[in-house]
Amino acid sequence: MGESILVVAMGVGAGLVAALLLGGFLETLLFEVAPHDPTSVIVAGAAAAAIALLSSFVTARSAARIDPLVALRD
């Protein structure tokens, strides 16, 4: 799970940097929202991180339930 947190943090960080750098290009597609609106950027980053961490938790939990010998035989 710790590795998943690291990967998610790196991905969200890279995404936030890209959003801040490239936000001006998408300004024509945004309606009543500034391209560098802090609230929107934080909410989007938090939502992406929460979904990624939840999906990695569900996968890790189901993998932990499987007997390693049974998994290796299949």
N, C-alpha and C. Protein backbone atom coordinates (compact mmCIF):
# COMPACT_ATOMS: atom_id res chain seq x y z
N MET A 1 0.83 -1.20 0.00
CA MET A 1 0.00 0.00 0.00
C MET A 1 0.87 1.25 0.00
N GLY A 2 2.02 1.18 0.66
CA GLY A 2 2.91 2.33 0.70
C GLY A 2 3.42 2.72 -0.68
N GLU A 3 3.66 1.71 -1.51
CA GLU A 3 4.11 1.98 -2.88
C GLU A 3 3.00 2.67 -3.67
N SER A 4 1.77 2.27 -3.44
CA SER A 4 0.63 2.90 -4.12
C SER A 4 0.52 4.37 -3.75
N ILE A 5 0.74 4.68 -2.48
CA ILE A 5 0.66 6.07 -2.03
C ILE A 5 1.73 6.91 -2.73
N LEU A 6 2.93 6.35 -2.86
CA LEU A 6 4.01 7.06 -3.53
C LEU A 6 3.68 7.31 -5.00
N VAL A 7 3.16 6.30 -5.68
CA VAL A 7 2.81 6.44 -7.09
C VAL A 7 1.68 7.46 -7.27
N VAL A 8 0.69 7.41 -6.42
CA VAL A 8 -0.43 8.36 -6.49
C VAL A 8 0.06 9.78 -6.23
N ALA A 9 0.92 9.95 -5.24
CA ALA A 9 1.44 11.28 -4.94
C ALA A 9 2.24 11.84 -6.11
N MET A 10 3.05 11.00 -6.72
CA MET A 10 3.82 11.46 -7.88
C MET A 10 2.90 11.81 -9.05
N GLY A 11 1.89 11.01 -9.28
CA GLY A 11 0.95 11.27 -10.36
C GLY A 11 0.14 12.52 -10.15
N VAL A 12 -0.35 12.71 -8.94
CA VAL A 12 -1.13 13.92 -8.64
C VAL A 12 -0.24 15.15 -8.73
N GLY A 13 0.98 15.04 -8.24
CA GLY A 13 1.91 16.16 -8.32
C GLY A 13 2.22 16.54 -9.76
N ALA A 14 2.50 15.53 -10.59
CA ALA A 14 2.76 15.80 -12.01
C ALA A 14 1.53 16.38 -12.70
N GLY A 15 0.36 15.87 -12.34
CA GLY A 15 -0.88 16.39 -12.93
C GLY A 15 -1.16 17.82 -12.53
N LEU A 16 -0.88 18.17 -11.28
CA LEU A 16 -1.11 19.54 -10.84
C LEU A 16 -0.14 20.50 -11.51
N VAL A 17 1.12 20.09 -11.65
CA VAL A 17 2.09 20.93 -12.35
C VAL A 17 1.66 21.13 -13.81
N ALA A 18 1.26 20.04 -14.47
CA ALA A 18 0.82 20.13 -15.86
C ALA A 18 -0.43 21.01 -15.98
N ALA A 19 -1.34 20.89 -15.04
CA ALA A 19 -2.56 21.70 -15.09
C ALA A 19 -2.24 23.18 -14.93
N LEU A 20 -1.31 23.48 -14.06
CA LEU A 20 -0.96 24.89 -13.86
C LEU A 20 -0.20 25.46 -15.07
N LEU A 21 0.65 24.63 -15.68
CA LEU A 21 1.41 25.10 -16.83
C LEU A 21 0.56 25.20 -18.09
N LEU A 22 -0.34 24.25 -18.28
CA LEU A 22 -1.11 24.18 -19.52
C LEU A 22 -2.54 24.71 -19.38
N GLY A 23 -2.89 25.23 -18.22
CA GLY A 23 -4.26 25.71 -17.99
C GLY A 23 -4.69 26.82 -18.91
N GLY A 24 -3.77 27.66 -19.32
CA GLY A 24 -4.11 28.76 -20.21
C GLY A 24 -4.57 28.31 -21.58
N PHE A 25 -4.08 27.16 -22.04
CA PHE A 25 -4.49 26.65 -23.35
C PHE A 25 -5.95 26.21 -23.36
N LEU A 26 -6.45 25.80 -22.21
CA LEU A 26 -7.83 25.31 -22.13
C LEU A 26 -8.81 26.38 -21.66
N GLU A 27 -8.36 27.61 -21.58
CA GLU A 27 -9.21 28.67 -21.04
C GLU A 27 -10.50 28.86 -21.82
N THR A 28 -10.49 28.60 -23.11
CA THR A 28 -11.71 28.75 -23.90
C THR A 28 -12.74 27.68 -23.60
N LEU A 29 -12.31 26.57 -23.02
CA LEU A 29 -13.24 25.48 -22.69
C LEU A 29 -13.83 25.59 -21.29
N LEU A 30 -13.28 26.47 -20.48
CA LEU A 30 -13.74 26.62 -19.09
C LEU A 30 -14.80 27.71 -19.02
N PHE A 31 -15.92 27.40 -18.41
CA PHE A 31 -17.02 28.34 -18.28
C PHE A 31 -17.12 28.82 -16.84
N GLU A 32 -16.94 30.10 -16.64
CA GLU A 32 -17.04 30.75 -15.33
C GLU A 32 -16.05 30.19 -14.31
N VAL A 33 -14.93 29.64 -14.78
CA VAL A 33 -13.88 29.15 -13.89
C VAL A 33 -12.56 29.61 -14.46
N ALA A 34 -11.72 30.20 -13.63
CA ALA A 34 -10.40 30.62 -14.08
C ALA A 34 -9.51 29.39 -14.26
N PRO A 35 -8.57 29.41 -15.19
CA PRO A 35 -7.74 28.24 -15.42
C PRO A 35 -6.83 27.89 -14.24
N HIS A 36 -6.56 28.85 -13.39
CA HIS A 36 -5.70 28.60 -12.23
C HIS A 36 -6.45 28.80 -10.92
N ASP A 37 -7.73 28.48 -10.92
CA ASP A 37 -8.57 28.61 -9.73
C ASP A 37 -8.10 27.60 -8.68
N PRO A 38 -7.62 28.06 -7.52
CA PRO A 38 -7.07 27.13 -6.52
C PRO A 38 -8.07 26.10 -6.02
N THR A 39 -9.31 26.51 -5.85
CA THR A 39 -10.31 25.56 -5.35
C THR A 39 -10.53 24.42 -6.34
N SER A 40 -10.66 24.74 -7.59
CA SER A 40 -10.87 23.70 -8.60
C SER A 40 -9.68 22.77 -8.72
N VAL A 41 -8.48 23.33 -8.67
CA VAL A 41 -7.27 22.51 -8.79
C VAL A 41 -7.13 21.58 -7.59
N ILE A 42 -7.39 22.09 -6.40
CA ILE A 42 -7.27 21.26 -5.19
C ILE A 42 -8.34 20.18 -5.16
N VAL A 43 -9.57 20.52 -5.50
CA VAL A 43 -10.65 19.52 -5.50
C VAL A 43 -10.39 18.43 -6.54
N ALA A 44 -9.94 18.82 -7.72
CA ALA A 44 -9.65 17.82 -8.76
C ALA A 44 -8.50 16.91 -8.35
N GLY A 45 -7.46 17.47 -7.76
CA GLY A 45 -6.34 16.66 -7.30
C GLY A 45 -6.73 15.72 -6.17
N ALA A 46 -7.52 16.22 -5.24
CA ALA A 46 -7.97 15.39 -4.12
C ALA A 46 -8.89 14.26 -4.59
N ALA A 47 -9.76 14.57 -5.54
CA ALA A 47 -10.67 13.54 -6.06
C ALA A 47 -9.89 12.47 -6.80
N ALA A 48 -8.92 12.86 -7.61
CA ALA A 48 -8.11 11.89 -8.34
C ALA A 48 -7.31 11.03 -7.37
N ALA A 49 -6.75 11.63 -6.34
CA ALA A 49 -5.98 10.88 -5.35
C ALA A 49 -6.88 9.92 -4.58
N ALA A 50 -8.06 10.35 -4.19
CA ALA A 50 -8.97 9.49 -3.43
C ALA A 50 -9.41 8.29 -4.26
N ILE A 51 -9.72 8.49 -5.52
CA ILE A 51 -10.14 7.39 -6.38
C ILE A 51 -9.00 6.41 -6.59
N ALA A 52 -7.80 6.93 -6.83
CA ALA A 52 -6.64 6.05 -7.05
C ALA A 52 -6.30 5.26 -5.79
N LEU A 53 -6.33 5.89 -4.63
CA LEU A 53 -6.02 5.18 -3.39
C LEU A 53 -7.10 4.16 -3.04
N LEU A 54 -8.35 4.48 -3.30
CA LEU A 54 -9.42 3.53 -3.04
C LEU A 54 -9.29 2.30 -3.94
N SER A 55 -8.99 2.53 -5.20
CA SER A 55 -8.85 1.39 -6.12
C SER A 55 -7.63 0.54 -5.76
N SER A 56 -6.55 1.15 -5.33
CA SER A 56 -5.38 0.36 -4.93
C SER A 56 -5.64 -0.39 -3.63
N PHE A 57 -6.42 0.19 -2.72
CA PHE A 57 -6.76 -0.50 -1.48
C PHE A 57 -7.63 -1.72 -1.75
N VAL A 58 -8.62 -1.56 -2.61
CA VAL A 58 -9.50 -2.69 -2.93
C VAL A 58 -8.71 -3.82 -3.59
N THR A 59 -7.81 -3.48 -4.50
CA THR A 59 -7.00 -4.49 -5.17
C THR A 59 -6.05 -5.17 -4.18
N ALA A 60 -5.41 -4.41 -3.31
CA ALA A 60 -4.49 -4.98 -2.33
C ALA A 60 -5.22 -5.87 -1.33
N ARG A 61 -6.42 -5.45 -0.96
CA ARG A 61 -7.19 -6.26 -0.01
C ARG A 61 -7.60 -7.60 -0.61
N SER A 62 -8.02 -7.58 -1.87
CA SER A 62 -8.41 -8.84 -2.51
C SER A 62 -7.19 -9.72 -2.77
N ALA A 63 -6.04 -9.13 -3.06
CA ALA A 63 -4.83 -9.91 -3.27
C ALA A 63 -4.34 -10.51 -1.96
N ALA A 64 -4.56 -9.84 -0.85
CA ALA A 64 -4.11 -10.35 0.44
C ALA A 64 -4.94 -11.54 0.90
N ARG A 65 -6.13 -11.69 0.40
CA ARG A 65 -7.00 -12.79 0.79
C ARG A 65 -6.66 -14.10 0.10
N ILE A 66 -5.93 -14.03 -1.00
CA ILE A 66 -5.62 -15.23 -1.78
C ILE A 66 -4.42 -15.95 -1.17
N ASP A 67 -4.52 -17.26 -1.07
CA ASP A 67 -3.41 -18.07 -0.58
C ASP A 67 -2.29 -18.03 -1.63
N PRO A 68 -1.06 -17.71 -1.25
CA PRO A 68 0.02 -17.62 -2.23
C PRO A 68 0.27 -18.91 -3.01
N LEU A 69 0.14 -20.05 -2.37
CA LEU A 69 0.35 -21.32 -3.07
C LEU A 69 -0.71 -21.56 -4.14
N VAL A 70 -1.94 -21.19 -3.86
CA VAL A 70 -3.01 -21.35 -4.84
C VAL A 70 -2.78 -20.39 -6.01
N ALA A 71 -2.33 -19.18 -5.72
CA ALA A 71 -2.10 -18.21 -6.78
C ALA A 71 -0.95 -18.65 -7.68
N LEU A 72 0.08 -19.27 -7.10
CA LEU A 72 1.22 -19.72 -7.89
C LEU A 72 0.87 -20.94 -8.76
N ARG A 73 -0.05 -21.76 -8.30
CA ARG A 73 -0.44 -22.96 -9.07
C ARG A 73 -1.25 -22.58 -10.30
N ASP A 74 -2.01 -21.53 -10.23
CA ASP A 74 -2.89 -21.14 -11.35
C ASP A 74 -2.16 -20.46 -12.42
